[in-house]
C-alpha atoms as a PDB file:
ATOM      1  CA  UNK A   1     137.045  84.531  46.697  1.00  0.00           C
ATOM      2  CA  UNK A   2     133.412  85.806  46.320  1.00  0.00           C
ATOM      3  CA  UNK A   3     132.086  83.247  48.695  1.00  0.00           C
ATOM      4  CA  UNK A   4     134.932  83.569  51.189  1.00  0.00           C
ATOM      5  CA  UNK A   5     133.262  84.428  54.374  1.00  0.00           C
ATOM      6  CA  UNK A   6     135.561  85.334  57.171  1.00  0.00           C
ATOM      7  CA  UNK A   7     135.131  87.163  60.461  1.00  0.00           C
ATOM      8  CA  UNK A   8     136.353  90.518  61.384  1.00  0.00           C
ATOM      9  CA  UNK A   9     136.605  89.602  65.149  1.00  0.00           C
ATOM     10  CA  UNK A  10     140.081  88.206  65.257  1.00  0.00           C
ATOM     11  CA  UNK A  11     140.998  91.800  63.862  1.00  0.00           C
ATOM     12  CA  UNK A  12     139.050  93.706  66.562  1.00  0.00           C
ATOM     13  CA  UNK A  13     140.423  91.731  69.434  1.00  0.00           C
ATOM     14  CA  UNK A  14     143.957  92.247  68.082  1.00  0.00           C
ATOM     15  CA  UNK A  15     143.443  95.959  67.748  1.00  0.00           C
ATOM     16  CA  UNK A  16     141.879  96.105  70.969  1.00  0.00           C
ATOM     17  CA  UNK A  17     144.692  94.404  72.585  1.00  0.00           C
ATOM     18  CA  UNK A  18     147.259  96.547  71.049  1.00  0.00           C
ATOM     19  CA  UNK A  19     145.216  99.808  72.058  1.00  0.00           C
ATOM     20  CA  UNK A  20     144.991  98.442  75.591  1.00  0.00           C
ATOM     21  CA  UNK A  21     148.955  97.791  75.688  1.00  0.00           C
ATOM     22  CA  UNK A  22     149.691 101.090  74.384  1.00  0.00           C
ATOM     23  CA  UNK A  23     147.634 102.993  76.912  1.00  0.00           C
ATOM     24  CA  UNK A  24     149.145 100.897  79.555  1.00  0.00           C
ATOM     25  CA  UNK A  25     152.528 101.725  78.589  1.00  0.00           C
ATOM     26  CA  UNK A  26     151.743 105.584  78.024  1.00  0.00           C
ATOM     27  CA  UNK A  27     150.026 105.276  81.508  1.00  0.00           C
ATOM     28  CA  UNK A  28     153.181 103.763  83.297  1.00  0.00           C
ATOM     29  CA  UNK A  29     155.617 105.917  81.485  1.00  0.00           C
ATOM     30  CA  UNK A  30     153.774 109.227  82.720  1.00  0.00           C
ATOM     31  CA  UNK A  31     153.850 107.480  86.282  1.00  0.00           C
ATOM     32  CA  UNK A  32     157.513 106.882  86.250  1.00  0.00           C
ATOM     33  CA  UNK A  33     158.180 110.385  84.441  1.00  0.00           C
ATOM     34  CA  UNK A  34     156.064 111.970  87.348  1.00  0.00           C
ATOM     35  CA  UNK A  35     157.972 110.048  90.094  1.00  0.00           C
ATOM     36  CA  UNK A  36     161.304 110.918  88.621  1.00  0.00           C
ATOM     37  CA  UNK A  37     160.719 114.713  88.439  1.00  0.00           C
ATOM     38  CA  UNK A  38     159.289 114.519  91.982  1.00  0.00           C
ATOM     39  CA  UNK A  39     162.183 112.541  93.392  1.00  0.00           C
ATOM     40  CA  UNK A  40     164.657 115.041  91.540  1.00  0.00           C
ATOM     41  CA  UNK A  41     163.067 118.121  93.031  1.00  0.00           C
ATOM     42  CA  UNK A  42     163.304 116.572  96.647  1.00  0.00           C
ATOM     43  CA  UNK A  43     166.646 115.683  96.068  1.00  0.00           C
ATOM     44  CA  UNK A  44     167.903 119.014  94.843  1.00  0.00           C
ATOM     45  CA  UNK A  45     166.029 120.963  97.601  1.00  0.00           C
ATOM     46  CA  UNK A  46     167.084 118.504 100.276  1.00  0.00           C
ATOM     47  CA  UNK A  47     170.411 118.601  99.512  1.00  0.00           C
ATOM     48  CA  UNK A  48     170.550 122.419  98.880  1.00  0.00           C
ATOM     49  CA  UNK A  49     169.198 122.880 102.128  1.00  0.00           C
ATOM     50  CA  UNK A  50     171.451 120.620 103.992  1.00  0.00           C
ATOM     51  CA  UNK A  51     174.493 122.035 102.316  1.00  0.00           C
ATOM     52  CA  UNK A  52     173.532 125.633 102.967  1.00  0.00           C
ATOM     53  CA  UNK A  53     172.598 124.670 106.752  1.00  0.00           C
ATOM     54  CA  UNK A  54     176.269 123.267 107.170  1.00  0.00           C
ATOM     55  CA  UNK A  55     178.082 126.090 105.641  1.00  0.00           C
ATOM     56  CA  UNK A  56     176.234 128.777 107.705  1.00  0.00           C
ATOM     57  CA  UNK A  57     177.063 126.744 110.831  1.00  0.00           C
ATOM     58  CA  UNK A  58     180.645 125.731 110.054  1.00  0.00           C
ATOM     59  CA  UNK A  59     181.785 128.124 106.839  1.00  0.00           C
ATOM     60  CA  UNK A  60     182.266 124.516 105.023  1.00  0.00           C
ATOM     61  CA  UNK A  61     179.986 121.591 104.575  1.00  0.00           C
ATOM     62  CA  UNK A  62     180.584 118.785 106.986  1.00  0.00           C
ATOM     63  CA  UNK A  63     179.190 115.328 106.388  1.00  0.00           C
ATOM     64  CA  UNK A  64     177.825 114.482 109.485  1.00  0.00           C
ATOM     65  CA  UNK A  65     175.625 117.884 109.410  1.00  0.00           C
ATOM     66  CA  UNK A  66     174.788 117.365 105.755  1.00  0.00           C
ATOM     67  CA  UNK A  67     173.499 113.891 106.427  1.00  0.00           C
ATOM     68  CA  UNK A  68     171.450 114.670 109.575  1.00  0.00           C
ATOM     69  CA  UNK A  69     169.701 117.778 107.576  1.00  0.00           C
ATOM     70  CA  UNK A  70     168.934 115.220 104.780  1.00  0.00           C
ATOM     71  CA  UNK A  71     167.448 112.657 107.172  1.00  0.00           C
ATOM     72  CA  UNK A  72     165.350 115.366 108.788  1.00  0.00           C
ATOM     73  CA  UNK A  73     164.191 116.763 105.577  1.00  0.00           C
ATOM     74  CA  UNK A  74     162.996 113.471 104.156  1.00  0.00           C
ATOM     75  CA  UNK A  75     161.329 112.652 107.518  1.00  0.00           C
ATOM     76  CA  UNK A  76     159.584 116.189 107.539  1.00  0.00           C
ATOM     77  CA  UNK A  77     158.359 115.944 103.848  1.00  0.00           C
ATOM     78  CA  UNK A  78     157.196 112.469 104.135  1.00  0.00           C
ATOM     79  CA  UNK A  79     159.364 110.958 101.331  1.00  0.00           C
ATOM     80  CA  UNK A  80     158.820 107.152 101.349  1.00  0.00           C
ATOM     81  CA  UNK A  81     160.279 104.290  99.824  1.00  0.00           C
ATOM     82  CA  UNK A  82     164.001 105.542  99.547  1.00  0.00           C
ATOM     83  CA  UNK A  83     166.136 102.620  98.837  1.00  0.00           C
ATOM     84  CA  UNK A  84     169.626 104.038  98.259  1.00  0.00           C
ATOM     85  CA  UNK A  85     171.614 107.235  99.480  1.00  0.00           C
ATOM     86  CA  UNK A  86     175.078 108.025  98.356  1.00  0.00           C
ATOM     87  CA  UNK A  87     176.482 110.905  99.673  1.00  0.00           C
ATOM     88  CA  UNK A  88     179.688 112.837  99.102  1.00  0.00           C
ATOM     89  CA  UNK A  89     180.741 115.993 101.105  1.00  0.00           C
ATOM     90  CA  UNK A  90     183.792 117.874 100.290  1.00  0.00           C
ATOM     91  CA  UNK A  91     184.553 121.114 102.176  1.00  0.00           C
ATOM     92  CA  UNK A  92     182.326 123.385  99.762  1.00  0.00           C
ATOM     93  CA  UNK A  93     180.541 120.905  97.452  1.00  0.00           C
ATOM     94  CA  UNK A  94     178.166 118.068  98.055  1.00  0.00           C
ATOM     95  CA  UNK A  95     176.680 115.227  96.003  1.00  0.00           C
ATOM     96  CA  UNK A  96     174.129 112.719  96.504  1.00  0.00           C
ATOM     97  CA  UNK A  97     172.594 110.112  94.515  1.00  0.00           C
ATOM     98  CA  UNK A  98     169.273 109.041  95.711  1.00  0.00           C
ATOM     99  CA  UNK A  99     166.902 106.142  94.464  1.00  0.00           C
ATOM    100  CA  UNK A 100     163.414 105.209  95.551  1.00  0.00           C
ATOM    101  CA  UNK A 101     161.177 102.454  94.983  1.00  0.00           C
ATOM    102  CA  UNK A 102     158.097 103.267  92.699  1.00  0.00           C
ATOM    103  CA  UNK A 103     154.933 100.992  93.687  1.00  0.00           C
ATOM    104  CA  UNK A 104     152.874 100.142  90.517  1.00  0.00           C
ATOM    105  CA  UNK A 105     149.237  99.495  90.883  1.00  0.00           C
ATOM    106  CA  UNK A 106     149.313  95.983  89.674  1.00  0.00           C
ATOM    107  CA  UNK A 107     149.268  93.773  93.286  1.00  0.00           C
ATOM    108  CA  UNK A 108     146.399  91.889  92.057  1.00  0.00           C
ATOM    109  CA  UNK A 109     148.322  90.346  88.965  1.00  0.00           C
ATOM    110  CA  UNK A 110     151.483  88.725  88.997  1.00  0.00           C
ATOM    111  CA  UNK A 111     153.510  91.490  87.563  1.00  0.00           C
ATOM    112  CA  UNK A 112     156.550  93.055  89.214  1.00  0.00           C
ATOM    113  CA  UNK A 113     155.189  95.854  91.705  1.00  0.00           C
ATOM    114  CA  UNK A 114     157.957  98.294  92.269  1.00  0.00           C
ATOM    115  CA  UNK A 115     160.664  99.707  90.197  1.00  0.00           C
ATOM    116  CA  UNK A 116     163.649 101.812  91.049  1.00  0.00           C
ATOM    117  CA  UNK A 117     163.699 105.730  90.078  1.00  0.00           C
ATOM    118  CA  UNK A 118     167.168 107.501  90.728  1.00  0.00           C
ATOM    119  CA  UNK A 119     168.176 111.184  90.809  1.00  0.00           C
ATOM    120  CA  UNK A 120     171.387 112.870  91.353  1.00  0.00           C
ATOM    121  CA  UNK A 121     172.043 116.234  92.878  1.00  0.00           C
ATOM    122  CA  UNK A 122     175.059 118.328  93.386  1.00  0.00           C
ATOM    123  CA  UNK A 123     175.817 121.619  95.336  1.00  0.00           C
ATOM    124  CA  UNK A 124     178.900 123.937  95.612  1.00  0.00           C
ATOM    125  CA  UNK A 125     179.289 126.986  97.649  1.00  0.00           C
ATOM    126  CA  UNK A 126     181.760 129.938  97.857  1.00  0.00           C
ATOM    127  CA  UNK A 127     184.932 129.519  99.201  1.00  0.00           C
ATOM    128  CA  UNK A 128     184.945 132.359 102.133  1.00  0.00           C
ATOM    129  CA  UNK A 129     188.771 132.469 102.054  1.00  0.00           C
ATOM    130  CA  UNK A 130     188.956 133.937  98.439  1.00  0.00           C
ATOM    131  CA  UNK A 131     185.212 134.243  97.655  1.00  0.00           C
ATOM    132  CA  UNK A 132     185.240 132.170  94.394  1.00  0.00           C
ATOM    133  CA  UNK A 133     183.096 129.197  93.940  1.00  0.00           C
ATOM    134  CA  UNK A 134     184.356 125.947  93.939  1.00  0.00           C
ATOM    135  CA  UNK A 135     184.600 124.422  90.261  1.00  0.00           C
ATOM    136  CA  UNK A 136     183.221 121.146  89.917  1.00  0.00           C
END
């Protein structure tokens, strides 16, 4: 054992590889979390605005009005990469599920460069006939 001469370089290379992989995972997790929170905020605000506009105009939510207002909101606020919108509108309640493609900065290497980030929103308004909130 006293004459055993090894190298510490494989240990250093392994440690550096683990460090780089950990930093990459933390970076990507942060990007995904920020994108999901941004999409959730846009989704909540867009649905609230669209539902409120429809209720002010007709005293209840109407699918085509809500959908038109959502499209206007997303175009005006330059929300890009929307891949899926599922909209449900009842008289006094609206629900939406929205997905967006997050583009990752790895176009130079052969890794998948986009992932889906999704958000759900729901809005309920008061029924003017009896003044009670619709229970969801």
